[in-house]
C-alpha atoms as a PDB file:
ATOM      1  CA  MET A   1     126.356 117.782  77.452  1.00  0.00           C
ATOM      2  CA  ARG A   2     125.064 118.554  80.792  1.00  0.00           C
ATOM      3  CA  ILE A   3     121.115 118.132  82.415  1.00  0.00           C
ATOM      4  CA  TRP A   4     120.416 120.489  84.534  1.00  0.00           C
ATOM      5  CA  VAL A   5     116.786 120.307  86.669  1.00  0.00           C
ATOM      6  CA  ASP A   6     115.199 123.165  88.469  1.00  0.00           C
ATOM      7  CA  GLY A   7     114.432 120.493  90.952  1.00  0.00           C
ATOM      8  CA  ASP A   8     111.722 122.778  93.450  1.00  0.00           C
ATOM      9  CA  ALA A   9     108.780 122.839  91.263  1.00  0.00           C
ATOM     10  CA  CYS A  10     109.327 119.711  88.927  1.00  0.00           C
ATOM     11  CA  PRO A  11     107.397 117.602  89.552  1.00  0.00           C
ATOM     12  CA  ALA A  12     108.688 113.879  91.357  1.00  0.00           C
ATOM     13  CA  VAL A  13     107.812 111.201  88.516  1.00  0.00           C
ATOM     14  CA  ILE A  14     109.530 113.934  85.647  1.00  0.00           C
ATOM     15  CA  LYS A  15     112.913 114.058  87.896  1.00  0.00           C
ATOM     16  CA  GLU A  16     112.898 110.225  87.770  1.00  0.00           C
ATOM     17  CA  ILE A  17     112.366 109.687  83.925  1.00  0.00           C
ATOM     18  CA  VAL A  18     115.368 112.068  83.574  1.00  0.00           C
ATOM     19  CA  PHE A  19     117.293 110.216  85.761  1.00  0.00           C
ATOM     20  CA  ARG A  20     116.927 106.964  84.020  1.00  0.00           C
ATOM     21  CA  ALA A  21     117.956 108.670  81.315  1.00  0.00           C
ATOM     22  CA  ALA A  22     120.817 110.757  82.529  1.00  0.00           C
ATOM     23  CA  VAL A  23     122.458 107.089  83.525  1.00  0.00           C
ATOM     24  CA  ARG A  24     121.122 105.350  79.985  1.00  0.00           C
ATOM     25  CA  THR A  25     123.025 107.819  77.881  1.00  0.00           C
ATOM     26  CA  LYS A  26     125.837 108.956  80.823  1.00  0.00           C
ATOM     27  CA  ILE A  27     125.139 112.185  80.959  1.00  0.00           C
ATOM     28  CA  PRO A  28     126.212 113.825  83.827  1.00  0.00           C
ATOM     29  CA  LEU A  29     122.806 115.399  85.893  1.00  0.00           C
ATOM     30  CA  THR A  30     122.715 117.970  88.383  1.00  0.00           C
ATOM     31  CA  LEU A  31     119.248 118.979  90.026  1.00  0.00           C
ATOM     32  CA  VAL A  32     119.758 122.227  91.520  1.00  0.00           C
ATOM     33  CA  ALA A  33     117.417 123.069  94.808  1.00  0.00           C
ATOM     34  CA  ASN A  34     116.696 125.007  97.590  1.00  0.00           C
ATOM     35  CA  GLN A  35     116.582 122.396 100.162  1.00  0.00           C
ATOM     36  CA  PRO A  36     118.138 118.890 100.281  1.00  0.00           C
ATOM     37  CA  MET A  37     115.892 115.871  98.232  1.00  0.00           C
ATOM     38  CA  GLN A  38     116.503 112.451  97.276  1.00  0.00           C
ATOM     39  CA  ILE A  39     118.822 111.695  94.092  1.00  0.00           C
ATOM     40  CA  PRO A  40     119.357 107.636  92.732  1.00  0.00           C
ATOM     41  CA  ARG A  41     123.224 106.869  93.698  1.00  0.00           C
ATOM     42  CA  SER A  42     124.905 107.513  90.757  1.00  0.00           C
ATOM     43  CA  ASP A  43     128.643 108.973  89.400  1.00  0.00           C
ATOM     44  CA  LEU A  44     126.603 110.409  87.050  1.00  0.00           C
ATOM     45  CA  ILE A  45     123.749 111.884  89.238  1.00  0.00           C
ATOM     46  CA  SER A  46     124.558 115.460  91.289  1.00  0.00           C
ATOM     47  CA  ILE A  47     122.640 117.486  94.004  1.00  0.00           C
ATOM     48  CA  LEU A  48     123.730 121.174  94.631  1.00  0.00           C
ATOM     49  CA  THR A  49     122.129 122.774  97.402  1.00  0.00           C
ATOM     50  CA  VAL A  50     120.927 126.680  97.604  1.00  0.00           C
ATOM     51  CA  PRO A  51     120.348 129.340 100.225  1.00  0.00           C
ATOM     52  CA  SER A  52     116.656 129.807  99.630  1.00  0.00           C
ATOM     53  CA  GLY A  53     115.265 132.692  98.174  1.00  0.00           C
ATOM     54  CA  LEU A  54     113.457 134.567  94.696  1.00  0.00           C
ATOM     55  CA  ASN A  55     115.423 133.450  91.838  1.00  0.00           C
ATOM     56  CA  VAL A  56     118.309 131.921  93.517  1.00  0.00           C
ATOM     57  CA  ALA A  57     118.352 128.090  91.729  1.00  0.00           C
ATOM     58  CA  ASP A  58     117.529 129.523  88.685  1.00  0.00           C
ATOM     59  CA  GLN A  59     120.575 131.918  88.664  1.00  0.00           C
ATOM     60  CA  ARG A  60     123.090 129.620  89.517  1.00  0.00           C
ATOM     61  CA  ILE A  61     121.617 127.192  86.662  1.00  0.00           C
ATOM     62  CA  VAL A  62     121.872 130.020  84.159  1.00  0.00           C
ATOM     63  CA  GLU A  63     125.575 130.343  85.643  1.00  0.00           C
ATOM     64  CA  LEU A  64     127.040 127.218  85.161  1.00  0.00           C
ATOM     65  CA  LEU A  65     125.459 126.067  81.691  1.00  0.00           C
ATOM     66  CA  ASP A  66     127.348 126.009  79.343  1.00  0.00           C
ATOM     67  CA  PRO A  67     125.799 125.930  74.979  1.00  0.00           C
ATOM     68  CA  GLY A  68     124.543 122.912  74.220  1.00  0.00           C
ATOM     69  CA  ASP A  69     123.791 122.043  77.701  1.00  0.00           C
ATOM     70  CA  LEU A  70     119.803 120.658  78.455  1.00  0.00           C
ATOM     71  CA  VAL A  71     117.453 121.937  81.608  1.00  0.00           C
ATOM     72  CA  ILE A  72     114.575 121.197  82.606  1.00  0.00           C
ATOM     73  CA  THR A  73     112.493 124.248  84.281  1.00  0.00           C
ATOM     74  CA  ALA A  74     108.727 125.156  84.458  1.00  0.00           C
ATOM     75  CA  ASP A  75     109.994 128.984  85.024  1.00  0.00           C
ATOM     76  CA  ILE A  76     109.885 130.775  81.533  1.00  0.00           C
ATOM     77  CA  PRO A  77     112.147 133.396  82.462  1.00  0.00           C
ATOM     78  CA  LEU A  78     114.720 130.856  82.817  1.00  0.00           C
ATOM     79  CA  ALA A  79     114.186 128.805  80.344  1.00  0.00           C
ATOM     80  CA  ALA A  80     114.439 132.346  78.331  1.00  0.00           C
ATOM     81  CA  HIS A  81     117.832 133.383  79.532  1.00  0.00           C
ATOM     82  CA  VAL A  82     118.816 129.256  78.957  1.00  0.00           C
ATOM     83  CA  VAL A  83     117.612 129.663  75.116  1.00  0.00           C
ATOM     84  CA  ASP A  84     119.642 132.817  74.867  1.00  0.00           C
ATOM     85  CA  LYS A  85     123.116 131.411  76.421  1.00  0.00           C
ATOM     86  CA  GLY A  86     123.192 128.657  73.390  1.00  0.00           C
ATOM     87  CA  GLY A  87     121.011 125.863  75.897  1.00  0.00           C
ATOM     88  CA  THR A  88     117.791 123.980  74.969  1.00  0.00           C
ATOM     89  CA  ALA A  89     115.246 124.103  78.239  1.00  0.00           C
ATOM     90  CA  LEU A  90     112.571 121.586  78.427  1.00  0.00           C
ATOM     91  CA  ASP A  91     109.898 121.893  80.865  1.00  0.00           C
ATOM     92  CA  PRO A  92     107.920 119.333  82.210  1.00  0.00           C
ATOM     93  CA  ARG A  93     105.061 118.871  80.452  1.00  0.00           C
ATOM     94  CA  GLY A  94     106.879 118.050  77.121  1.00  0.00           C
ATOM     95  CA  ASP A  95     107.691 121.802  76.206  1.00  0.00           C
ATOM     96  CA  HIS A  96     110.868 122.355  73.793  1.00  0.00           C
ATOM     97  CA  TYR A  97     111.088 126.345  74.138  1.00  0.00           C
ATOM     98  CA  THR A  98     112.964 127.660  70.924  1.00  0.00           C
ATOM     99  CA  HIS A  99     114.917 131.066  69.838  1.00  0.00           C
ATOM    100  CA  GLU A 100     111.155 131.157  67.606  1.00  0.00           C
ATOM    101  CA  ASN A 101     108.781 129.969  70.529  1.00  0.00           C
ATOM    102  CA  ILE A 102     110.177 131.829  73.680  1.00  0.00           C
ATOM    103  CA  GLY A 103     109.344 135.638  73.032  1.00  0.00           C
ATOM    104  CA  GLU A 104     105.782 134.748  72.928  1.00  0.00           C
ATOM    105  CA  ARG A 105     106.001 132.685  75.893  1.00  0.00           C
ATOM    106  CA  LEU A 106     107.400 134.475  78.032  1.00  0.00           C
ATOM    107  CA  THR A 107     104.917 137.705  76.761  1.00  0.00           C
ATOM    108  CA  MET A 108     101.979 135.194  77.400  1.00  0.00           C
ATOM    109  CA  ARG A 109     102.883 133.956  81.129  1.00  0.00           C
ATOM    110  CA  ASN A 110     103.967 137.829  81.974  1.00  0.00           C
ATOM    111  CA  LEU A 111     100.184 138.861  80.598  1.00  0.00           C
ATOM    112  CA  MET A 112      99.146 135.854  83.114  1.00  0.00           C
ATOM    113  CA  ASP A 113     100.782 136.520  85.616  1.00  0.00           C
ATOM    114  CA  GLY A 114      99.435 140.479  85.908  1.00  0.00           C
ATOM    115  CA  LEU A 115      96.391 139.263  85.144  1.00  0.00           C
ATOM    116  CA  ARG A 116      95.917 137.317  87.603  1.00  0.00           C
ATOM    117  CA  GLY A 117      97.902 139.817  89.690  1.00  0.00           C
ATOM    118  CA  GLU A 118      94.852 141.862  88.926  1.00  0.00           C
ATOM    119  CA  GLY A 119      92.100 139.308  90.444  1.00  0.00           C
ATOM    120  CA  VAL A 120      91.038 139.090  86.364  1.00  0.00           C
ATOM    121  CA  VAL A 121      91.595 135.066  86.543  1.00  0.00           C
ATOM    122  CA  GLY A 122      92.919 132.833  89.250  1.00  0.00           C
ATOM    123  CA  GLY A 123      94.639 129.569  89.568  1.00  0.00           C
ATOM    124  CA  GLY A 124      97.386 128.575  87.512  1.00  0.00           C
ATOM    125  CA  PRO A 125      97.989 125.201  85.262  1.00  0.00           C
ATOM    126  CA  PRO A 126      95.549 122.605  85.224  1.00  0.00           C
ATOM    127  CA  PRO A 127      96.857 119.681  87.751  1.00  0.00           C
ATOM    128  CA  PHE A 128     100.264 117.266  86.146  1.00  0.00           C
ATOM    129  CA  SER A 129      98.434 114.430  84.139  1.00  0.00           C
ATOM    130  CA  GLY A 130      99.649 111.026  82.133  1.00  0.00           C
ATOM    131  CA  ASN A 131      99.228 112.557  79.692  1.00  0.00           C
ATOM    132  CA  ASP A 132     102.061 115.434  80.631  1.00  0.00           C
ATOM    133  CA  ARG A 133     104.492 112.417  81.890  1.00  0.00           C
ATOM    134  CA  GLN A 134     104.306 111.195  78.526  1.00  0.00           C
ATOM    135  CA  ALA A 135     104.730 114.368  75.883  1.00  0.00           C
ATOM    136  CA  PHE A 136     107.798 115.175  78.692  1.00  0.00           C
ATOM    137  CA  ALA A 137     109.090 111.275  78.185  1.00  0.00           C
ATOM    138  CA  ASN A 138     108.816 111.298  74.428  1.00  0.00           C
ATOM    139  CA  GLN A 139     110.615 114.836  73.935  1.00  0.00           C
ATOM    140  CA  LEU A 140     113.226 114.291  76.082  1.00  0.00           C
ATOM    141  CA  ASP A 141     114.209 110.966  73.695  1.00  0.00           C
ATOM    142  CA  ARG A 142     113.934 113.272  70.808  1.00  0.00           C
ATOM    143  CA  ILE A 143     116.492 115.782  72.110  1.00  0.00           C
ATOM    144  CA  LEU A 144     118.762 112.960  73.345  1.00  0.00           C
ATOM    145  CA  ALA A 145     118.634 111.502  70.547  1.00  0.00           C
ATOM    146  CA  LYS A 146     120.137 114.364  68.832  1.00  0.00           C
ATOM    147  CA  ARG A 147     123.056 114.668  71.029  1.00  0.00           C
ATOM    148  CA  ARG A 148     124.077 111.732  70.968  1.00  0.00           C
ATOM    149  CA  PRO A 149     127.469 111.312  69.255  1.00  0.00           C
ATOM    150  CA  PRO A 150     128.118 109.666  65.663  1.00  0.00           C
ATOM    151  CA  SER A 151     129.374 106.468  67.060  1.00  0.00           C
ATOM    152  CA  ALA A 152     125.914 105.354  70.293  1.00  0.00           C
END
């Protein structure tokens, strides 16, 4: 298993949680972004810088993803690709995307995107909160606990 982080839009507090989890569980982590970012010094943590452009980081994650890998992303179309490829997708607010819920989430995302484009609704998600951070940390722990080898 490897952890992939869609780094460009991921809140810094979530990156820190994932970095600590990767080191604690000894799971390799790659941050994928279109600009250089600071990462902790660890043999387990790396950054993959991709060219700027629409969905370049997302496409690279999907190309490199193996079934069973975990992807941290707020991008619902990317999450859908991850789930289709046999990976696990987790939103920085703690939403765990699965085969059972990704279709509904993608439909809602497309609807809201259309309504925003027509000016019917404005804005995006609410500001990131401490409750979001805690929900993410709890869900991450649950996912990683399920993936621990029996000897761990």
